[in-house]
Amino acid sequence: MKPVEWQTCECSSKRGFADRRSAEKALGRAQAKRDRSAERQRVRRGIAREHRIYRCDHEMYHLTKQSRRDYLGAAA
């Protein structure tokens, strides 16, 4: 499987994806990897899982574990 191309973003040391499609692809792969890990451990409780993507001020996309509900609550 070919990895999704990413760059270090200027806003932080996070992985940044150039376009939304690449970020969505990386999100799907990250979720699948976490799910496989949970299956091997036979427990899903406590597994941190990326939930969504967002666009930063530097026009890059990032993955985050923060849910949309938590994000909207913090922004309000």
PDB file of N, CA and C in Angstrom:
ATOM      1  N   MET A   1       0.850  -1.169   0.000  1.00  0.00           N
ATOM      2  CA  MET A   1       0.000   0.000   0.000  1.00  0.00           C
ATOM      3  C   MET A   1       0.903   1.242   0.000  1.00  0.00           C
ATOM      4  N   LYS A   2       0.634   2.142  -0.900  1.00  0.00           N
ATOM      5  CA  LYS A   2       1.418   3.363  -1.022  1.00  0.00           C
ATOM      6  C   LYS A   2       0.986   4.371   0.049  1.00  0.00           C
ATOM      7  N   PRO A   3       1.945   4.948   0.781  1.00  0.00           N
ATOM      8  CA  PRO A   3       1.579   5.915   1.823  1.00  0.00           C
ATOM      9  C   PRO A   3       1.058   7.233   1.232  1.00  0.00           C
ATOM     10  N   VAL A   4       0.268   7.929   2.027  1.00  0.00           N
ATOM     11  CA  VAL A   4      -0.263   9.227   1.611  1.00  0.00           C
ATOM     12  C   VAL A   4       0.834  10.279   1.806  1.00  0.00           C
ATOM     13  N   GLU A   5       1.037  11.097   0.797  1.00  0.00           N
ATOM     14  CA  GLU A   5       2.076  12.121   0.858  1.00  0.00           C
ATOM     15  C   GLU A   5       1.691  13.233   1.826  1.00  0.00           C
ATOM     16  N   TRP A   6       2.635  13.643   2.666  1.00  0.00           N
ATOM     17  CA  TRP A   6       2.396  14.716   3.634  1.00  0.00           C
ATOM     18  C   TRP A   6       3.649  15.553   3.794  1.00  0.00           C
ATOM     19  N   GLN A   7       3.461  16.738   4.390  1.00  0.00           N
ATOM     20  CA  GLN A   7       4.567  17.653   4.662  1.00  0.00           C
ATOM     21  C   GLN A   7       4.402  18.170   6.086  1.00  0.00           C
ATOM     22  N   THR A   8       5.495  18.616   6.686  1.00  0.00           N
ATOM     23  CA  THR A   8       5.392  19.268   7.982  1.00  0.00           C
ATOM     24  C   THR A   8       4.831  20.662   7.754  1.00  0.00           C
ATOM     25  N   CYS A   9       3.781  21.008   8.488  1.00  0.00           N
ATOM     26  CA  CYS A   9       3.109  22.294   8.310  1.00  0.00           C
ATOM     27  C   CYS A   9       3.836  23.393   9.082  1.00  0.00           C
ATOM     28  N   GLU A  10       3.718  24.612   8.598  1.00  0.00           N
ATOM     29  CA  GLU A  10       4.340  25.768   9.259  1.00  0.00           C
ATOM     30  C   GLU A  10       3.662  26.115  10.580  1.00  0.00           C
ATOM     31  N   CYS A  11       2.390  25.737  10.749  1.00  0.00           N
ATOM     32  CA  CYS A  11       1.665  26.102  11.965  1.00  0.00           C
ATOM     33  C   CYS A  11       2.138  25.306  13.179  1.00  0.00           C
ATOM     34  N   SER A  12       2.712  24.143  12.951  1.00  0.00           N
ATOM     35  CA  SER A  12       3.214  23.301  14.046  1.00  0.00           C
ATOM     36  C   SER A  12       4.053  22.180  13.447  1.00  0.00           C
ATOM     37  N   SER A  13       4.360  21.208  14.255  1.00  0.00           N
ATOM     38  CA  SER A  13       5.127  20.074  13.741  1.00  0.00           C
ATOM     39  C   SER A  13       4.206  18.936  13.315  1.00  0.00           C
ATOM     40  N   LYS A  14       2.954  19.249  13.044  1.00  0.00           N
ATOM     41  CA  LYS A  14       1.977  18.244  12.636  1.00  0.00           C
ATOM     42  C   LYS A  14       2.142  17.895  11.163  1.00  0.00           C
ATOM     43  N   ARG A  15       1.642  16.731  10.800  1.00  0.00           N
ATOM     44  CA  ARG A  15       1.602  16.351   9.392  1.00  0.00           C
ATOM     45  C   ARG A  15       0.534  17.183   8.704  1.00  0.00           C
ATOM     46  N   GLY A  16       0.892  17.754   7.584  1.00  0.00           N
ATOM     47  CA  GLY A  16      -0.053  18.539   6.812  1.00  0.00           C
ATOM     48  C   GLY A  16      -0.259  17.907   5.448  1.00  0.00           C
ATOM     49  N   PHE A  17      -1.496  17.882   5.009  1.00  0.00           N
ATOM     50  CA  PHE A  17      -1.838  17.320   3.706  1.00  0.00           C
ATOM     51  C   PHE A  17      -2.248  18.458   2.779  1.00  0.00           C
ATOM     52  N   ALA A  18      -1.786  18.393   1.550  1.00  0.00           N
ATOM     53  CA  ALA A  18      -1.975  19.489   0.603  1.00  0.00           C
ATOM     54  C   ALA A  18      -3.430  19.671   0.187  1.00  0.00           C
ATOM     55  N   ASP A  19      -4.180  18.590   0.066  1.00  0.00           N
ATOM     56  CA  ASP A  19      -5.572  18.725  -0.361  1.00  0.00           C
ATOM     57  C   ASP A  19      -6.491  17.851   0.499  1.00  0.00           C
ATOM     58  N   ARG A  20      -7.769  18.140   0.405  1.00  0.00           N
ATOM     59  CA  ARG A  20      -8.763  17.461   1.230  1.00  0.00           C
ATOM     60  C   ARG A  20      -8.815  15.961   0.941  1.00  0.00           C
ATOM     61  N   ARG A  21      -8.684  15.599  -0.318  1.00  0.00           N
ATOM     62  CA  ARG A  21      -8.738  14.183  -0.696  1.00  0.00           C
ATOM     63  C   ARG A  21      -7.618  13.394  -0.024  1.00  0.00           C
ATOM     64  N   SER A  22      -6.406  13.928  -0.020  1.00  0.00           N
ATOM     65  CA  SER A  22      -5.276  13.250   0.626  1.00  0.00           C
ATOM     66  C   SER A  22      -5.522  13.115   2.128  1.00  0.00           C
ATOM     67  N   ALA A  23      -6.067  14.148   2.734  1.00  0.00           N
ATOM     68  CA  ALA A  23      -6.348  14.111   4.172  1.00  0.00           C
ATOM     69  C   ALA A  23      -7.429  13.072   4.486  1.00  0.00           C
ATOM     70  N   GLU A  24      -8.463  12.989   3.656  1.00  0.00           N
ATOM     71  CA  GLU A  24      -9.522  12.009   3.871  1.00  0.00           C
ATOM     72  C   GLU A  24      -8.982  10.591   3.718  1.00  0.00           C
ATOM     73  N   LYS A  25      -8.106  10.403   2.760  1.00  0.00           N
ATOM     74  CA  LYS A  25      -7.484   9.100   2.551  1.00  0.00           C
ATOM     75  C   LYS A  25      -6.631   8.726   3.767  1.00  0.00           C
ATOM     76  N   ALA A  26      -5.852   9.667   4.274  1.00  0.00           N
ATOM     77  CA  ALA A  26      -5.021   9.425   5.452  1.00  0.00           C
ATOM     78  C   ALA A  26      -5.892   9.154   6.679  1.00  0.00           C
ATOM     79  N   LEU A  27      -7.019   9.854   6.796  1.00  0.00           N
ATOM     80  CA  LEU A  27      -7.935   9.635   7.914  1.00  0.00           C
ATOM     81  C   LEU A  27      -8.483   8.212   7.885  1.00  0.00           C
ATOM     82  N   GLY A  28      -8.902   7.769   6.732  1.00  0.00           N
ATOM     83  CA  GLY A  28      -9.415   6.402   6.596  1.00  0.00           C
ATOM     84  C   GLY A  28      -8.367   5.368   6.960  1.00  0.00           C
ATOM     85  N   ARG A  29      -7.148   5.586   6.524  1.00  0.00           N
ATOM     86  CA  ARG A  29      -6.069   4.645   6.839  1.00  0.00           C
ATOM     87  C   ARG A  29      -5.739   4.665   8.330  1.00  0.00           C
ATOM     88  N   ALA A  30      -5.733   5.839   8.930  1.00  0.00           N
ATOM     89  CA  ALA A  30      -5.444   5.950  10.360  1.00  0.00           C
ATOM     90  C   ALA A  30      -6.529   5.251  11.179  1.00  0.00           C
ATOM     91  N   GLN A  31      -7.789   5.434  10.793  1.00  0.00           N
ATOM     92  CA  GLN A  31      -8.881   4.783  11.507  1.00  0.00           C
ATOM     93  C   GLN A  31      -8.791   3.269  11.372  1.00  0.00           C
ATOM     94  N   ALA A  32      -8.479   2.791  10.185  1.00  0.00           N
ATOM     95  CA  ALA A  32      -8.348   1.349   9.965  1.00  0.00           C
ATOM     96  C   ALA A  32      -7.194   0.782  10.790  1.00  0.00           C
ATOM     97  N   LYS A  33      -6.104   1.517  10.866  1.00  0.00           N
ATOM     98  CA  LYS A  33      -4.956   1.061  11.642  1.00  0.00           C
ATOM     99  C   LYS A  33      -5.314   0.958  13.128  1.00  0.00           C
ATOM    100  N   ARG A  34      -6.034   1.957  13.643  1.00  0.00           N
ATOM    101  CA  ARG A  34      -6.446   1.931  15.053  1.00  0.00           C
ATOM    102  C   ARG A  34      -7.416   0.784  15.309  1.00  0.00           C
ATOM    103  N   ASP A  35      -8.330   0.546  14.359  1.00  0.00           N
ATOM    104  CA  ASP A  35      -9.294  -0.544  14.513  1.00  0.00           C
ATOM    105  C   ASP A  35      -8.592  -1.902  14.528  1.00  0.00           C
ATOM    106  N   ARG A  36      -7.616  -2.089  13.647  1.00  0.00           N
ATOM    107  CA  ARG A  36      -6.861  -3.344  13.627  1.00  0.00           C
ATOM    108  C   ARG A  36      -6.102  -3.542  14.939  1.00  0.00           C
ATOM    109  N   SER A  37      -5.540  -2.463  15.446  1.00  0.00           N
ATOM    110  CA  SER A  37      -4.816  -2.519  16.720  1.00  0.00           C
ATOM    111  C   SER A  37      -5.755  -2.922  17.856  1.00  0.00           C
ATOM    112  N   ALA A  38      -6.946  -2.364  17.862  1.00  0.00           N
ATOM    113  CA  ALA A  38      -7.933  -2.682  18.902  1.00  0.00           C
ATOM    114  C   ALA A  38      -8.373  -4.142  18.789  1.00  0.00           C
ATOM    115  N   GLU A  39      -8.535  -4.629  17.574  1.00  0.00           N
ATOM    116  CA  GLU A  39      -8.925  -6.024  17.376  1.00  0.00           C
ATOM    117  C   GLU A  39      -7.845  -6.973  17.901  1.00  0.00           C
ATOM    118  N   ARG A  40      -6.582  -6.641  17.660  1.00  0.00           N
ATOM    119  CA  ARG A  40      -5.482  -7.477  18.150  1.00  0.00           C
ATOM    120  C   ARG A  40      -5.458  -7.510  19.674  1.00  0.00           C
ATOM    121  N   GLN A  41      -5.741  -6.349  20.283  1.00  0.00           N
ATOM    122  CA  GLN A  41      -5.722  -6.267  21.748  1.00  0.00           C
ATOM    123  C   GLN A  41      -7.027  -6.774  22.367  1.00  0.00           C
ATOM    124  N   ARG A  42      -8.026  -6.981  21.534  1.00  0.00           N
ATOM    125  CA  ARG A  42      -9.352  -7.452  21.957  1.00  0.00           C
ATOM    126  C   ARG A  42     -10.044  -6.495  22.917  1.00  0.00           C
ATOM    127  N   VAL A  43      -9.730  -5.210  22.775  1.00  0.00           N
ATOM    128  CA  VAL A  43     -10.392  -4.193  23.594  1.00  0.00           C
ATOM    129  C   VAL A  43     -10.415  -2.889  22.799  1.00  0.00           C
ATOM    130  N   ARG A  44     -11.527  -2.205  22.823  1.00  0.00           N
ATOM    131  CA  ARG A  44     -11.635  -0.928  22.109  1.00  0.00           C
ATOM    132  C   ARG A  44     -11.600   0.262  23.072  1.00  0.00           C
ATOM    133  N   ARG A  45     -11.814   0.006  24.335  1.00  0.00           N
ATOM    134  CA  ARG A  45     -11.834   1.076  25.320  1.00  0.00           C
ATOM    135  C   ARG A  45     -10.438   1.685  25.449  1.00  0.00           C
ATOM    136  N   GLY A  46     -10.364   3.001  25.400  1.00  0.00           N
ATOM    137  CA  GLY A  46      -9.095   3.683  25.570  1.00  0.00           C
ATOM    138  C   GLY A  46      -8.287   3.870  24.298  1.00  0.00           C
ATOM    139  N   ILE A  47      -8.793   3.390  23.176  1.00  0.00           N
ATOM    140  CA  ILE A  47      -8.076   3.552  21.909  1.00  0.00           C
ATOM    141  C   ILE A  47      -8.384   4.950  21.363  1.00  0.00           C
ATOM    142  N   ALA A  48      -7.347   5.754  21.227  1.00  0.00           N
ATOM    143  CA  ALA A  48      -7.518   7.099  20.656  1.00  0.00           C
ATOM    144  C   ALA A  48      -7.643   6.944  19.147  1.00  0.00           C
ATOM    145  N   ARG A  49      -8.650   7.574  18.560  1.00  0.00           N
ATOM    146  CA  ARG A  49      -8.940   7.402  17.137  1.00  0.00           C
ATOM    147  C   ARG A  49      -9.200   8.756  16.508  1.00  0.00           C
ATOM    148  N   GLU A  50      -8.584   9.015  15.374  1.00  0.00           N
ATOM    149  CA  GLU A  50      -8.815  10.258  14.660  1.00  0.00           C
ATOM    150  C   GLU A  50     -10.249  10.275  14.133  1.00  0.00           C
ATOM    151  N   HIS A  51     -10.932  11.419  14.300  1.00  0.00           N
ATOM    152  CA  HIS A  51     -12.336  11.502  13.921  1.00  0.00           C
ATOM    153  C   HIS A  51     -12.606  12.378  12.707  1.00  0.00           C
ATOM    154  N   ARG A  52     -11.806  13.395  12.510  1.00  0.00           N
ATOM    155  CA  ARG A  52     -12.128  14.347  11.450  1.00  0.00           C
ATOM    156  C   ARG A  52     -10.870  15.044  10.952  1.00  0.00           C
ATOM    157  N   ILE A  53     -11.050  15.833   9.910  1.00  0.00           N
ATOM    158  CA  ILE A  53      -9.958  16.649   9.379  1.00  0.00           C
ATOM    159  C   ILE A  53     -10.354  18.114   9.499  1.00  0.00           C
ATOM    160  N   TYR A  54      -9.367  18.971   9.503  1.00  0.00           N
ATOM    161  CA  TYR A  54      -9.638  20.409   9.513  1.00  0.00           C
ATOM    162  C   TYR A  54      -8.569  21.120   8.706  1.00  0.00           C
ATOM    163  N   ARG A  55      -8.886  22.319   8.284  1.00  0.00           N
ATOM    164  CA  ARG A  55      -7.964  23.127   7.499  1.00  0.00           C
ATOM    165  C   ARG A  55      -7.378  24.226   8.383  1.00  0.00           C
ATOM    166  N   CYS A  56      -6.072  24.356   8.364  1.00  0.00           N
ATOM    167  CA  CYS A  56      -5.417  25.363   9.208  1.00  0.00           C
ATOM    168  C   CYS A  56      -5.252  26.680   8.440  1.00  0.00           C
ATOM    169  N   ASP A  57      -4.695  27.663   9.107  1.00  0.00           N
ATOM    170  CA  ASP A  57      -4.492  28.984   8.506  1.00  0.00           C
ATOM    171  C   ASP A  57      -3.449  28.982   7.396  1.00  0.00           C
ATOM    172  N   HIS A  58      -2.647  27.940   7.324  1.00  0.00           N
ATOM    173  CA  HIS A  58      -1.592  27.840   6.315  1.00  0.00           C
ATOM    174  C   HIS A  58      -2.033  27.022   5.101  1.00  0.00           C
ATOM    175  N   GLU A  59      -3.358  26.852   4.947  1.00  0.00           N
ATOM    176  CA  GLU A  59      -3.949  26.170   3.789  1.00  0.00           C
ATOM    177  C   GLU A  59      -3.585  24.688   3.707  1.00  0.00           C
ATOM    178  N   MET A  60      -3.307  24.066   4.849  1.00  0.00           N
ATOM    179  CA  MET A  60      -3.018  22.635   4.891  1.00  0.00           C
ATOM    180  C   MET A  60      -4.136  21.947   5.682  1.00  0.00           C
ATOM    181  N   TYR A  61      -4.289  20.655   5.471  1.00  0.00           N
ATOM    182  CA  TYR A  61      -5.289  19.862   6.188  1.00  0.00           C
ATOM    183  C   TYR A  61      -4.590  18.971   7.207  1.00  0.00           C
ATOM    184  N   HIS A  62      -5.225  18.809   8.381  1.00  0.00           N
ATOM    185  CA  HIS A  62      -4.678  17.998   9.464  1.00  0.00           C
ATOM    186  C   HIS A  62      -5.738  17.027   9.964  1.00  0.00           C
ATOM    187  N   LEU A  63      -5.277  15.943  10.598  1.00  0.00           N
ATOM    188  CA  LEU A  63      -6.172  14.992  11.262  1.00  0.00           C
ATOM    189  C   LEU A  63      -6.262  15.378  12.733  1.00  0.00           C
ATOM    190  N   THR A  64      -7.418  15.144  13.333  1.00  0.00           N
ATOM    191  CA  THR A  64      -7.568  15.425  14.761  1.00  0.00           C
ATOM    192  C   THR A  64      -8.460  14.379  15.420  1.00  0.00           C
ATOM    193  N   LYS A  65      -8.192  14.142  16.685  1.00  0.00           N
ATOM    194  CA  LYS A  65      -8.981  13.206  17.478  1.00  0.00           C
ATOM    195  C   LYS A  65     -10.165  13.904  18.132  1.00  0.00           C
ATOM    196  N   GLN A  66     -10.177  15.225  18.100  1.00  0.00           N
ATOM    197  CA  GLN A  66     -11.250  16.006  18.719  1.00  0.00           C
ATOM    198  C   GLN A  66     -12.523  15.873  17.893  1.00  0.00           C
ATOM    199  N   SER A  67     -13.629  15.564  18.538  1.00  0.00           N
ATOM    200  CA  SER A  67     -14.895  15.426  17.833  1.00  0.00           C
ATOM    201  C   SER A  67     -15.420  16.801  17.417  1.00  0.00           C
ATOM    202  N   ARG A  68     -16.315  16.815  16.454  1.00  0.00           N
ATOM    203  CA  ARG A  68     -16.904  18.081  15.995  1.00  0.00           C
ATOM    204  C   ARG A  68     -17.694  18.736  17.121  1.00  0.00           C
ATOM    205  N   ARG A  69     -18.372  17.941  17.941  1.00  0.00           N
ATOM    206  CA  ARG A  69     -19.157  18.482  19.055  1.00  0.00           C
ATOM    207  C   ARG A  69     -18.247  19.198  20.057  1.00  0.00           C
ATOM    208  N   ASP A  70     -17.129  18.572  20.406  1.00  0.00           N
ATOM    209  CA  ASP A  70     -16.190  19.206  21.348  1.00  0.00           C
ATOM    210  C   ASP A  70     -15.596  20.471  20.744  1.00  0.00           C
ATOM    211  N   TYR A  71     -15.288  20.422  19.457  1.00  0.00           N
ATOM    212  CA  TYR A  71     -14.712  21.583  18.784  1.00  0.00           C
ATOM    213  C   TYR A  71     -15.695  22.753  18.763  1.00  0.00           C
ATOM    214  N   LEU A  72     -16.942  22.480  18.414  1.00  0.00           N
ATOM    215  CA  LEU A  72     -17.956  23.535  18.371  1.00  0.00           C
ATOM    216  C   LEU A  72     -18.263  24.071  19.756  1.00  0.00           C
ATOM    217  N   GLY A  73     -18.204  23.219  20.778  1.00  0.00           N
ATOM    218  CA  GLY A  73     -18.412  23.672  22.160  1.00  0.00           C
ATOM    219  C   GLY A  73     -17.294  24.569  22.639  1.00  0.00           C
ATOM    220  N   ALA A  74     -16.072  24.262  22.264  1.00  0.00           N
ATOM    221  CA  ALA A  74     -14.913  25.078  22.664  1.00  0.00           C
ATOM    222  C   ALA A  74     -14.886  26.398  21.902  1.00  0.00           C
ATOM    223  N   ALA A  75     -15.355  26.396  20.657  1.00  0.00           N
ATOM    224  CA  ALA A  75     -15.341  27.601  19.837  1.00  0.00           C
ATOM    225  C   ALA A  75     -16.430  28.598  20.268  1.00  0.00           C
ATOM    226  N   ALA A  76     -17.485  28.094  20.885  1.00  0.00           N
ATOM    227  CA  ALA A  76     -18.610  28.962  21.275  1.00  0.00           C
ATOM    228  C   ALA A  76     -18.354  29.768  22.503  1.00  0.00           C
TER     229      ALA A  76
END
